Amino acid sequence: MKIQENAVILRAFFGEHERHNGKPVYKQIVLKAMELKLAGATVTKGLMGFGADSHLHTSSILRLSENLPIIVEIIDSKENIEKLLPFLDKTIDDGLITMEEINIIKYRIQK
């Protein structure tokens, strides 16, 4: 079955060393999204990037401990995404969040 609908994609950008209460922020976001029963979350680790400070972060073999970029993506309804925002406000100290309205196509097996 094919279902088309509107949704919102939230993307959170920050470094892999970003911590809150001693734990990686990306893990905390995914666990909170699960707790809120959001549709899903994906964490992507970047190979190279830079942020507002223009400091280059790279996975070069010569810089094994570099603070690589992390992107957490969550797609759900606007109402459900908004439930996560207060948690992000208190969890992310140094990063960026984007939100966009999108059209999605879901594929489901009919039972």
PDB file of N, CA and C in Angstrom:
ATOM      1  N   MET A   1       0.843  -1.176   0.000  1.00  0.00           N
ATOM      2  CA  MET A   1       0.000   0.000   0.000  1.00  0.00           C
ATOM      3  C   MET A   1       0.895   1.247   0.000  1.00  0.00           C
ATOM      4  N   LYS A   2       0.517   2.233  -0.767  1.00  0.00           N
ATOM      5  CA  LYS A   2       1.258   3.482  -0.884  1.00  0.00           C
ATOM      6  C   LYS A   2       0.421   4.602  -0.273  1.00  0.00           C
ATOM      7  N   ILE A   3       1.022   5.338   0.685  1.00  0.00           N
ATOM      8  CA  ILE A   3       0.322   6.420   1.377  1.00  0.00           C
ATOM      9  C   ILE A   3       1.158   7.694   1.240  1.00  0.00           C
ATOM     10  N   GLN A   4       0.540   8.770   0.735  1.00  0.00           N
ATOM     11  CA  GLN A   4       1.214  10.061   0.638  1.00  0.00           C
ATOM     12  C   GLN A   4       0.647  10.999   1.687  1.00  0.00           C
ATOM     13  N   GLU A   5       1.531  11.737   2.345  1.00  0.00           N
ATOM     14  CA  GLU A   5       1.075  12.705   3.344  1.00  0.00           C
ATOM     15  C   GLU A   5       2.143  13.764   3.576  1.00  0.00           C
ATOM     16  N   ASN A   6       1.759  14.797   4.321  1.00  0.00           N
ATOM     17  CA  ASN A   6       2.684  15.866   4.681  1.00  0.00           C
ATOM     18  C   ASN A   6       3.325  15.534   6.021  1.00  0.00           C
ATOM     19  N   ALA A   7       4.537  16.004   6.209  1.00  0.00           N
ATOM     20  CA  ALA A   7       5.262  15.772   7.449  1.00  0.00           C
ATOM     21  C   ALA A   7       6.291  16.880   7.631  1.00  0.00           C
ATOM     22  N   VAL A   8       7.071  16.760   8.685  1.00  0.00           N
ATOM     23  CA  VAL A   8       8.174  17.683   8.962  1.00  0.00           C
ATOM     24  C   VAL A   8       9.430  16.855   9.160  1.00  0.00           C
ATOM     25  N   ILE A   9      10.538  17.332   8.605  1.00  0.00           N
ATOM     26  CA  ILE A   9      11.827  16.713   8.880  1.00  0.00           C
ATOM     27  C   ILE A   9      12.618  17.653   9.776  1.00  0.00           C
ATOM     28  N   LEU A  10      13.093  17.118  10.874  1.00  0.00           N
ATOM     29  CA  LEU A  10      13.953  17.849  11.786  1.00  0.00           C
ATOM     30  C   LEU A  10      15.359  17.295  11.616  1.00  0.00           C
ATOM     31  N   ARG A  11      16.321  18.180  11.457  1.00  0.00           N
ATOM     32  CA  ARG A  11      17.727  17.782  11.401  1.00  0.00           C
ATOM     33  C   ARG A  11      18.478  18.542  12.493  1.00  0.00           C
ATOM     34  N   ALA A  12      19.203  17.799  13.305  1.00  0.00           N
ATOM     35  CA  ALA A  12      20.045  18.399  14.344  1.00  0.00           C
ATOM     36  C   ALA A  12      21.498  18.157  13.968  1.00  0.00           C
ATOM     37  N   PHE A  13      22.281  19.222  13.909  1.00  0.00           N
ATOM     38  CA  PHE A  13      23.695  19.170  13.525  1.00  0.00           C
ATOM     39  C   PHE A  13      24.544  19.557  14.731  1.00  0.00           C
ATOM     40  N   PHE A  14      25.538  18.750  15.044  1.00  0.00           N
ATOM     41  CA  PHE A  14      26.466  19.053  16.128  1.00  0.00           C
ATOM     42  C   PHE A  14      27.665  18.119  16.001  1.00  0.00           C
ATOM     43  N   GLY A  15      28.651  18.278  16.883  1.00  0.00           N
ATOM     44  CA  GLY A  15      29.843  17.441  16.848  1.00  0.00           C
ATOM     45  C   GLY A  15      29.647  16.152  17.632  1.00  0.00           C
ATOM     46  N   GLU A  16      30.406  15.128  17.254  1.00  0.00           N
ATOM     47  CA  GLU A  16      30.267  13.831  17.918  1.00  0.00           C
ATOM     48  C   GLU A  16      30.684  13.879  19.381  1.00  0.00           C
ATOM     49  N   HIS A  17      31.449  14.879  19.796  1.00  0.00           N
ATOM     50  CA  HIS A  17      31.860  14.998  21.186  1.00  0.00           C
ATOM     51  C   HIS A  17      30.827  15.719  22.051  1.00  0.00           C
ATOM     52  N   GLU A  18      29.738  16.191  21.448  1.00  0.00           N
ATOM     53  CA  GLU A  18      28.692  16.908  22.195  1.00  0.00           C
ATOM     54  C   GLU A  18      28.077  15.969  23.235  1.00  0.00           C
ATOM     55  N   ARG A  19      28.104  16.392  24.497  1.00  0.00           N
ATOM     56  CA  ARG A  19      27.593  15.591  25.608  1.00  0.00           C
ATOM     57  C   ARG A  19      26.591  16.400  26.410  1.00  0.00           C
ATOM     58  N   HIS A  20      25.673  15.682  27.055  1.00  0.00           N
ATOM     59  CA  HIS A  20      24.748  16.279  28.021  1.00  0.00           C
ATOM     60  C   HIS A  20      24.659  15.296  29.178  1.00  0.00           C
ATOM     61  N   ASN A  21      24.947  15.764  30.367  1.00  0.00           N
ATOM     62  CA  ASN A  21      25.006  14.894  31.552  1.00  0.00           C
ATOM     63  C   ASN A  21      25.944  13.706  31.317  1.00  0.00           C
ATOM     64  N   GLY A  22      27.050  13.960  30.606  1.00  0.00           N
ATOM     65  CA  GLY A  22      28.062  12.939  30.400  1.00  0.00           C
ATOM     66  C   GLY A  22      27.772  11.903  29.332  1.00  0.00           C
ATOM     67  N   LYS A  23      26.631  12.005  28.647  1.00  0.00           N
ATOM     68  CA  LYS A  23      26.249  11.014  27.638  1.00  0.00           C
ATOM     69  C   LYS A  23      26.182  11.661  26.256  1.00  0.00           C
ATOM     70  N   PRO A  24      26.492  10.901  25.192  1.00  0.00           N
ATOM     71  CA  PRO A  24      26.418  11.470  23.843  1.00  0.00           C
ATOM     72  C   PRO A  24      25.018  12.007  23.521  1.00  0.00           C
ATOM     73  N   VAL A  25      24.978  13.233  23.002  1.00  0.00           N
ATOM     74  CA  VAL A  25      23.705  13.882  22.698  1.00  0.00           C
ATOM     75  C   VAL A  25      22.909  13.097  21.654  1.00  0.00           C
ATOM     76  N   TYR A  26      23.581  12.580  20.612  1.00  0.00           N
ATOM     77  CA  TYR A  26      22.843  11.858  19.574  1.00  0.00           C
ATOM     78  C   TYR A  26      22.106  10.653  20.136  1.00  0.00           C
ATOM     79  N   LYS A  27      22.699   9.941  21.091  1.00  0.00           N
ATOM     80  CA  LYS A  27      22.013   8.793  21.704  1.00  0.00           C
ATOM     81  C   LYS A  27      20.813   9.241  22.519  1.00  0.00           C
ATOM     82  N   GLN A  28      20.983  10.339  23.250  1.00  0.00           N
ATOM     83  CA  GLN A  28      19.886  10.852  24.071  1.00  0.00           C
ATOM     84  C   GLN A  28      18.707  11.298  23.215  1.00  0.00           C
ATOM     85  N   ILE A  29      18.999  11.903  22.061  1.00  0.00           N
ATOM     86  CA  ILE A  29      17.919  12.345  21.169  1.00  0.00           C
ATOM     87  C   ILE A  29      17.152  11.146  20.624  1.00  0.00           C
ATOM     88  N   VAL A  30      17.868  10.123  20.181  1.00  0.00           N
ATOM     89  CA  VAL A  30      17.198   8.930  19.633  1.00  0.00           C
ATOM     90  C   VAL A  30      16.355   8.254  20.706  1.00  0.00           C
ATOM     91  N   LEU A  31      16.889   8.120  21.909  1.00  0.00           N
ATOM     92  CA  LEU A  31      16.122   7.483  22.987  1.00  0.00           C
ATOM     93  C   LEU A  31      14.886   8.299  23.361  1.00  0.00           C
ATOM     94  N   LYS A  32      15.013   9.630  23.359  1.00  0.00           N
ATOM     95  CA  LYS A  32      13.854  10.491  23.654  1.00  0.00           C
ATOM     96  C   LYS A  32      12.815  10.381  22.546  1.00  0.00           C
ATOM     97  N   ALA A  33      13.261  10.315  21.286  1.00  0.00           N
ATOM     98  CA  ALA A  33      12.325  10.148  20.171  1.00  0.00           C
ATOM     99  C   ALA A  33      11.564   8.827  20.305  1.00  0.00           C
ATOM    100  N   MET A  34      12.254   7.774  20.723  1.00  0.00           N
ATOM    101  CA  MET A  34      11.581   6.487  20.952  1.00  0.00           C
ATOM    102  C   MET A  34      10.560   6.597  22.083  1.00  0.00           C
ATOM    103  N   GLU A  35      10.967   7.250  23.166  1.00  0.00           N
ATOM    104  CA  GLU A  35      10.080   7.432  24.322  1.00  0.00           C
ATOM    105  C   GLU A  35       8.810   8.183  23.921  1.00  0.00           C
ATOM    106  N   LEU A  36       8.961   9.179  23.040  1.00  0.00           N
ATOM    107  CA  LEU A  36       7.810   9.966  22.575  1.00  0.00           C
ATOM    108  C   LEU A  36       7.033   9.276  21.458  1.00  0.00           C
ATOM    109  N   LYS A  37       7.501   8.077  21.074  1.00  0.00           N
ATOM    110  CA  LYS A  37       6.860   7.277  20.025  1.00  0.00           C
ATOM    111  C   LYS A  37       6.821   7.994  18.674  1.00  0.00           C
ATOM    112  N   LEU A  38       7.935   8.705  18.365  1.00  0.00           N
ATOM    113  CA  LEU A  38       8.039   9.335  17.063  1.00  0.00           C
ATOM    114  C   LEU A  38       8.277   8.262  16.006  1.00  0.00           C
ATOM    115  N   ALA A  39       8.073   8.608  14.759  1.00  0.00           N
ATOM    116  CA  ALA A  39       8.094   7.623  13.675  1.00  0.00           C
ATOM    117  C   ALA A  39       9.461   6.954  13.508  1.00  0.00           C
ATOM    118  N   GLY A  40      10.537   7.648  13.809  1.00  0.00           N
ATOM    119  CA  GLY A  40      11.864   7.065  13.671  1.00  0.00           C
ATOM    120  C   GLY A  40      12.928   8.138  13.696  1.00  0.00           C
ATOM    121  N   ALA A  41      14.168   7.708  13.843  1.00  0.00           N
ATOM    122  CA  ALA A  41      15.303   8.630  13.864  1.00  0.00           C
ATOM    123  C   ALA A  41      16.489   7.944  13.222  1.00  0.00           C
ATOM    124  N   THR A  42      17.308   8.732  12.527  1.00  0.00           N
ATOM    125  CA  THR A  42      18.527   8.229  11.907  1.00  0.00           C
ATOM    126  C   THR A  42      19.682   9.135  12.295  1.00  0.00           C
ATOM    127  N   VAL A  43      20.797   8.525  12.685  1.00  0.00           N
ATOM    128  CA  VAL A  43      22.009   9.273  13.021  1.00  0.00           C
ATOM    129  C   VAL A  43      23.037   9.009  11.932  1.00  0.00           C
ATOM    130  N   THR A  44      23.602  10.087  11.388  1.00  0.00           N
ATOM    131  CA  THR A  44      24.623   9.996  10.353  1.00  0.00           C
ATOM    132  C   THR A  44      25.887  10.694  10.858  1.00  0.00           C
ATOM    133  N   LYS A  45      27.020  10.036  10.670  1.00  0.00           N
ATOM    134  CA  LYS A  45      28.304  10.622  11.048  1.00  0.00           C
ATOM    135  C   LYS A  45      28.988  11.122   9.785  1.00  0.00           C
ATOM    136  N   GLY A  46      29.354  12.386   9.778  1.00  0.00           N
ATOM    137  CA  GLY A  46      29.982  12.989   8.610  1.00  0.00           C
ATOM    138  C   GLY A  46      31.472  12.695   8.531  1.00  0.00           C
ATOM    139  N   LEU A  47      31.991  12.734   7.315  1.00  0.00           N
ATOM    140  CA  LEU A  47      33.422  12.546   7.089  1.00  0.00           C
ATOM    141  C   LEU A  47      34.206  13.842   7.195  1.00  0.00           C
ATOM    142  N   MET A  48      33.495  14.954   6.911  1.00  0.00           N
ATOM    143  CA  MET A  48      34.152  16.255   6.937  1.00  0.00           C
ATOM    144  C   MET A  48      33.084  17.336   7.052  1.00  0.00           C
ATOM    145  N   GLY A  49      33.418  18.423   7.714  1.00  0.00           N
ATOM    146  CA  GLY A  49      32.487  19.534   7.805  1.00  0.00           C
ATOM    147  C   GLY A  49      33.081  20.663   8.612  1.00  0.00           C
ATOM    148  N   PHE A  50      32.357  21.791   8.654  1.00  0.00           N
ATOM    149  CA  PHE A  50      32.739  22.903   9.518  1.00  0.00           C
ATOM    150  C   PHE A  50      31.469  23.614   9.938  1.00  0.00           C
ATOM    151  N   GLY A  51      31.557  24.318  11.035  1.00  0.00           N
ATOM    152  CA  GLY A  51      30.400  25.025  11.564  1.00  0.00           C
ATOM    153  C   GLY A  51      30.655  26.505  11.631  1.00  0.00           C
ATOM    154  N   ALA A  52      29.943  27.170  12.530  1.00  0.00           N
ATOM    155  CA  ALA A  52      29.988  28.624  12.642  1.00  0.00           C
ATOM    156  C   ALA A  52      31.391  29.147  12.953  1.00  0.00           C
ATOM    157  N   ASP A  53      32.200  28.341  13.633  1.00  0.00           N
ATOM    158  CA  ASP A  53      33.551  28.786  13.980  1.00  0.00           C
ATOM    159  C   ASP A  53      34.559  28.592  12.838  1.00  0.00           C
ATOM    160  N   SER A  54      34.096  28.031  11.705  1.00  0.00           N
ATOM    161  CA  SER A  54      34.922  27.773  10.520  1.00  0.00           C
ATOM    162  C   SER A  54      36.110  26.848  10.792  1.00  0.00           C
ATOM    163  N   HIS A  55      36.024  26.057  11.852  1.00  0.00           N
ATOM    164  CA  HIS A  55      37.063  25.064  12.145  1.00  0.00           C
ATOM    165  C   HIS A  55      36.731  23.790  11.383  1.00  0.00           C
ATOM    166  N   LEU A  56      37.663  23.305  10.566  1.00  0.00           N
ATOM    167  CA  LEU A  56      37.441  22.127   9.743  1.00  0.00           C
ATOM    168  C   LEU A  56      37.544  20.859  10.586  1.00  0.00           C
ATOM    169  N   HIS A  57      36.528  20.010  10.489  1.00  0.00           N
ATOM    170  CA  HIS A  57      36.500  18.717  11.160  1.00  0.00           C
ATOM    171  C   HIS A  57      36.581  17.659  10.070  1.00  0.00           C
ATOM    172  N   THR A  58      37.539  16.740  10.205  1.00  0.00           N
ATOM    173  CA  THR A  58      37.737  15.750   9.158  1.00  0.00           C
ATOM    174  C   THR A  58      38.123  14.398   9.755  1.00  0.00           C
ATOM    175  N   SER A  59      37.886  13.350   8.993  1.00  0.00           N
ATOM    176  CA  SER A  59      38.219  11.998   9.446  1.00  0.00           C
ATOM    177  C   SER A  59      39.592  11.565   8.949  1.00  0.00           C
ATOM    178  N   SER A  60      40.438  12.510   8.623  1.00  0.00           N
ATOM    179  CA  SER A  60      41.785  12.221   8.145  1.00  0.00           C
ATOM    180  C   SER A  60      42.498  11.256   9.089  1.00  0.00           C
ATOM    181  N   ILE A  61      43.243  10.340   8.517  1.00  0.00           N
ATOM    182  CA  ILE A  61      43.982   9.357   9.317  1.00  0.00           C
ATOM    183  C   ILE A  61      44.937  10.039  10.292  1.00  0.00           C
ATOM    184  N   LEU A  62      45.365  11.257   9.970  1.00  0.00           N
ATOM    185  CA  LEU A  62      46.278  11.991  10.842  1.00  0.00           C
ATOM    186  C   LEU A  62      45.568  12.655  12.020  1.00  0.00           C
ATOM    187  N   ARG A  63      44.234  12.679  11.974  1.00  0.00           N
ATOM    188  CA  ARG A  63      43.442  13.327  13.026  1.00  0.00           C
ATOM    189  C   ARG A  63      42.375  12.367  13.534  1.00  0.00           C
ATOM    190  N   LEU A  64      42.767  11.259  14.095  1.00  0.00           N
ATOM    191  CA  LEU A  64      41.811  10.226  14.495  1.00  0.00           C
ATOM    192  C   LEU A  64      40.842  10.690  15.586  1.00  0.00           C
ATOM    193  N   SER A  65      41.235  11.647  16.400  1.00  0.00           N
ATOM    194  CA  SER A  65      40.373  12.064  17.504  1.00  0.00           C
ATOM    195  C   SER A  65      39.555  13.316  17.184  1.00  0.00           C
ATOM    196  N   GLU A  66      39.447  13.676  15.910  1.00  0.00           N
ATOM    197  CA  GLU A  66      38.738  14.901  15.538  1.00  0.00           C
ATOM    198  C   GLU A  66      37.248  14.792  15.855  1.00  0.00           C
ATOM    199  N   ASN A  67      36.621  15.899  16.147  1.00  0.00           N
ATOM    200  CA  ASN A  67      35.209  15.987  16.510  1.00  0.00           C
ATOM    201  C   ASN A  67      34.359  16.017  15.230  1.00  0.00           C
ATOM    202  N   LEU A  68      34.047  14.841  14.681  1.00  0.00           N
ATOM    203  CA  LEU A  68      33.347  14.753  13.400  1.00  0.00           C
ATOM    204  C   LEU A  68      31.895  15.208  13.520  1.00  0.00           C
ATOM    205  N   PRO A  69      31.322  15.689  12.398  1.00  0.00           N
ATOM    206  CA  PRO A  69      29.926  16.141  12.425  1.00  0.00           C
ATOM    207  C   PRO A  69      28.949  14.971  12.571  1.00  0.00           C
ATOM    208  N   ILE A  70      27.893  15.227  13.325  1.00  0.00           N
ATOM    209  CA  ILE A  70      26.789  14.271  13.504  1.00  0.00           C
ATOM    210  C   ILE A  70      25.513  14.968  13.049  1.00  0.00           C
ATOM    211  N   ILE A  71      24.665  14.221  12.329  1.00  0.00           N
ATOM    212  CA  ILE A  71      23.344  14.719  11.954  1.00  0.00           C
ATOM    213  C   ILE A  71      22.313  13.703  12.444  1.00  0.00           C
ATOM    214  N   VAL A  72      21.343  14.171  13.209  1.00  0.00           N
ATOM    215  CA  VAL A  72      20.213  13.340  13.618  1.00  0.00           C
ATOM    216  C   VAL A  72      19.014  13.818  12.816  1.00  0.00           C
ATOM    217  N   GLU A  73      18.379  12.896  12.077  1.00  0.00           N
ATOM    218  CA  GLU A  73      17.196  13.234  11.276  1.00  0.00           C
ATOM    219  C   GLU A  73      15.986  12.502  11.830  1.00  0.00           C
ATOM    220  N   ILE A  74      14.893  13.244  11.967  1.00  0.00           N
ATOM    221  CA  ILE A  74      13.632  12.681  12.443  1.00  0.00           C
ATOM    222  C   ILE A  74      12.523  13.219  11.555  1.00  0.00           C
ATOM    223  N   ILE A  75      11.687  12.315  11.045  1.00  0.00           N
ATOM    224  CA  ILE A  75      10.552  12.699  10.207  1.00  0.00           C
ATOM    225  C   ILE A  75       9.276  12.240  10.903  1.00  0.00           C
ATOM    226  N   ASP A  76       8.350  13.163  11.084  1.00  0.00           N
ATOM    227  CA  ASP A  76       7.065  12.840  11.706  1.00  0.00           C
ATOM    228  C   ASP A  76       6.130  14.020  11.455  1.00  0.00           C
ATOM    229  N   SER A  77       4.952  13.978  12.054  1.00  0.00           N
ATOM    230  CA  SER A  77       4.023  15.098  11.933  1.00  0.00           C
ATOM    231  C   SER A  77       4.586  16.305  12.687  1.00  0.00           C
ATOM    232  N   LYS A  78       4.129  17.484  12.314  1.00  0.00           N
ATOM    233  CA  LYS A  78       4.580  18.708  12.979  1.00  0.00           C
ATOM    234  C   LYS A  78       4.285  18.652  14.473  1.00  0.00           C
ATOM    235  N   GLU A  79       3.107  18.153  14.814  1.00  0.00           N
ATOM    236  CA  GLU A  79       2.712  18.071  16.221  1.00  0.00           C
ATOM    237  C   GLU A  79       3.661  17.165  17.010  1.00  0.00           C
ATOM    238  N   ASN A  80       4.032  16.031  16.434  1.00  0.00           N
ATOM    239  CA  ASN A  80       4.924  15.107  17.133  1.00  0.00           C
ATOM    240  C   ASN A  80       6.344  15.657  17.229  1.00  0.00           C
ATOM    241  N   ILE A  81       6.825  16.285  16.171  1.00  0.00           N
ATOM    242  CA  ILE A  81       8.162  16.883  16.199  1.00  0.00           C
ATOM    243  C   ILE A  81       8.230  17.963  17.273  1.00  0.00           C
ATOM    244  N   GLU A  82       7.182  18.754  17.407  1.00  0.00           N
ATOM    245  CA  GLU A  82       7.169  19.835  18.397  1.00  0.00           C
ATOM    246  C   GLU A  82       7.253  19.312  19.825  1.00  0.00           C
ATOM    247  N   LYS A  83       6.848  18.067  20.063  1.00  0.00           N
ATOM    248  CA  LYS A  83       6.974  17.462  21.396  1.00  0.00           C
ATOM    249  C   LYS A  83       8.436  17.262  21.788  1.00  0.00           C
ATOM    250  N   LEU A  84       9.312  17.143  20.793  1.00  0.00           N
ATOM    251  CA  LEU A  84      10.729  16.904  21.040  1.00  0.00           C
ATOM    252  C   LEU A  84      11.515  18.195  21.283  1.00  0.00           C
ATOM    253  N   LEU A  85      11.012  19.320  20.806  1.00  0.00           N
ATOM    254  CA  LEU A  85      11.774  20.577  20.849  1.00  0.00           C
ATOM    255  C   LEU A  85      12.221  21.014  22.251  1.00  0.00           C
ATOM    256  N   PRO A  86      11.370  20.930  23.291  1.00  0.00           N
ATOM    257  CA  PRO A  86      11.849  21.327  24.626  1.00  0.00           C
ATOM    258  C   PRO A  86      13.041  20.484  25.097  1.00  0.00           C
ATOM    259  N   PHE A  87      13.039  19.207  24.760  1.00  0.00           N
ATOM    260  CA  PHE A  87      14.158  18.332  25.114  1.00  0.00           C
ATOM    261  C   PHE A  87      15.428  18.768  24.394  1.00  0.00           C
ATOM    262  N   LEU A  88      15.313  19.100  23.105  1.00  0.00           N
ATOM    263  CA  LEU A  88      16.479  19.549  22.339  1.00  0.00           C
ATOM    264  C   LEU A  88      17.028  20.857  22.891  1.00  0.00           C
ATOM    265  N   ASP A  89      16.124  21.756  23.299  1.00  0.00           N
ATOM    266  CA  ASP A  89      16.538  23.053  23.860  1.00  0.00           C
ATOM    267  C   ASP A  89      17.451  22.877  25.066  1.00  0.00           C
ATOM    268  N   LYS A  90      17.169  21.892  25.902  1.00  0.00           N
ATOM    269  CA  LYS A  90      17.992  21.718  27.105  1.00  0.00           C
ATOM    270  C   LYS A  90      19.152  20.740  26.905  1.00  0.00           C
ATOM    271  N   THR A  91      19.184  20.022  25.781  1.00  0.00           N
ATOM    272  CA  THR A  91      20.196  18.992  25.570  1.00  0.00           C
ATOM    273  C   THR A  91      21.336  19.447  24.664  1.00  0.00           C
ATOM    274  N   ILE A  92      21.055  20.243  23.652  1.00  0.00           N
ATOM    275  CA  ILE A  92      22.078  20.677  22.701  1.00  0.00           C
ATOM    276  C   ILE A  92      22.647  22.021  23.146  1.00  0.00           C
ATOM    277  N   ASP A  93      23.960  22.032  23.446  1.00  0.00           N
ATOM    278  CA  ASP A  93      24.626  23.272  23.858  1.00  0.00           C
ATOM    279  C   ASP A  93      25.256  24.000  22.680  1.00  0.00           C
ATOM    280  N   ASP A  94      25.761  23.239  21.701  1.00  0.00           N
ATOM    281  CA  ASP A  94      26.495  23.834  20.588  1.00  0.00           C
ATOM    282  C   ASP A  94      26.108  23.098  19.312  1.00  0.00           C
ATOM    283  N   GLY A  95      25.181  23.659  18.553  1.00  0.00           N
ATOM    284  CA  GLY A  95      24.725  22.987  17.342  1.00  0.00           C
ATOM    285  C   GLY A  95      23.712  23.814  16.586  1.00  0.00           C
ATOM    286  N   LEU A  96      23.015  23.152  15.684  1.00  0.00           N
ATOM    287  CA  LEU A  96      22.036  23.810  14.812  1.00  0.00           C
ATOM    288  C   LEU A  96      20.900  22.830  14.549  1.00  0.00           C
ATOM    289  N   ILE A  97      19.680  23.347  14.525  1.00  0.00           N
ATOM    290  CA  ILE A  97      18.511  22.526  14.192  1.00  0.00           C
ATOM    291  C   ILE A  97      17.804  23.178  13.016  1.00  0.00           C
ATOM    292  N   THR A  98      17.423  22.357  12.028  1.00  0.00           N
ATOM    293  CA  THR A  98      16.587  22.833  10.932  1.00  0.00           C
ATOM    294  C   THR A  98      15.312  22.018  10.920  1.00  0.00           C
ATOM    295  N   MET A  99      14.235  22.647  10.455  1.00  0.00           N
ATOM    296  CA  MET A  99      12.956  21.962  10.297  1.00  0.00           C
ATOM    297  C   MET A  99      12.349  22.401   8.976  1.00  0.00           C
ATOM    298  N   GLU A 100      11.861  21.428   8.208  1.00  0.00           N
ATOM    299  CA  GLU A 100      11.254  21.721   6.916  1.00  0.00           C
ATOM    300  C   GLU A 100       9.979  20.913   6.755  1.00  0.00           C
ATOM    301  N   GLU A 101       8.984  21.536   6.129  1.00  0.00           N
ATOM    302  CA  GLU A 101       7.787  20.789   5.753  1.00  0.00           C
ATOM    303  C   GLU A 101       8.112  20.005   4.489  1.00  0.00           C
ATOM    304  N   ILE A 102       7.718  18.735   4.465  1.00  0.00           N
ATOM    305  CA  ILE A 102       8.029  17.854   3.340  1.00  0.00           C
ATOM    306  C   ILE A 102       6.812  17.021   2.978  1.00  0.00           C
ATOM    307  N   ASN A 103       6.843  16.421   1.816  1.00  0.00           N
ATOM    308  CA  ASN A 103       5.858  15.431   1.401  1.00  0.00           C
ATOM    309  C   ASN A 103       6.535  14.078   1.481  1.00  0.00           C
ATOM    310  N   ILE A 104       5.845  13.105   2.061  1.00  0.00           N
ATOM    311  CA  ILE A 104       6.426  11.770   2.173  1.00  0.00           C
ATOM    312  C   ILE A 104       5.528  10.753   1.481  1.00  0.00           C
ATOM    313  N   ILE A 105       6.142   9.661   1.100  1.00  0.00           N
ATOM    314  CA  ILE A 105       5.421   8.513   0.552  1.00  0.00           C
ATOM    315  C   ILE A 105       5.798   7.317   1.402  1.00  0.00           C
ATOM    316  N   LYS A 106       4.811   6.720   2.047  1.00  0.00           N
ATOM    317  CA  LYS A 106       5.036   5.520   2.864  1.00  0.00           C
ATOM    318  C   LYS A 106       4.597   4.301   2.073  1.00  0.00           C
ATOM    319  N   TYR A 107       5.374   3.262   2.184  1.00  0.00           N
ATOM    320  CA  TYR A 107       5.010   1.982   1.584  1.00  0.00           C
ATOM    321  C   TYR A 107       4.774   0.996   2.722  1.00  0.00           C
ATOM    322  N   ARG A 108       3.626   0.373   2.717  1.00  0.00           N
ATOM    323  CA  ARG A 108       3.230  -0.583   3.752  1.00  0.00           C
ATOM    324  C   ARG A 108       2.693  -1.847   3.127  1.00  0.00           C
ATOM    325  N   ILE A 109       2.976  -2.949   3.755  1.00  0.00           N
ATOM    326  CA  ILE A 109       2.407  -4.224   3.332  1.00  0.00           C
ATOM    327  C   ILE A 109       1.022  -4.346   3.954  1.00  0.00           C
ATOM    328  N   GLN A 110       0.039  -4.616   3.125  1.00  0.00           N
ATOM    329  CA  GLN A 110      -1.322  -4.798   3.646  1.00  0.00           C
ATOM    330  C   GLN A 110      -1.416  -6.130   4.351  1.00  0.00           C
ATOM    331  N   LYS A 111      -2.056  -6.131   5.504  1.00  0.00           N
ATOM    332  CA  LYS A 111      -2.204  -7.374   6.278  1.00  0.00           C
ATOM    333  C   LYS A 111      -3.621  -7.847   6.242  1.00  0.00           C
TER     334      LYS A 111
END
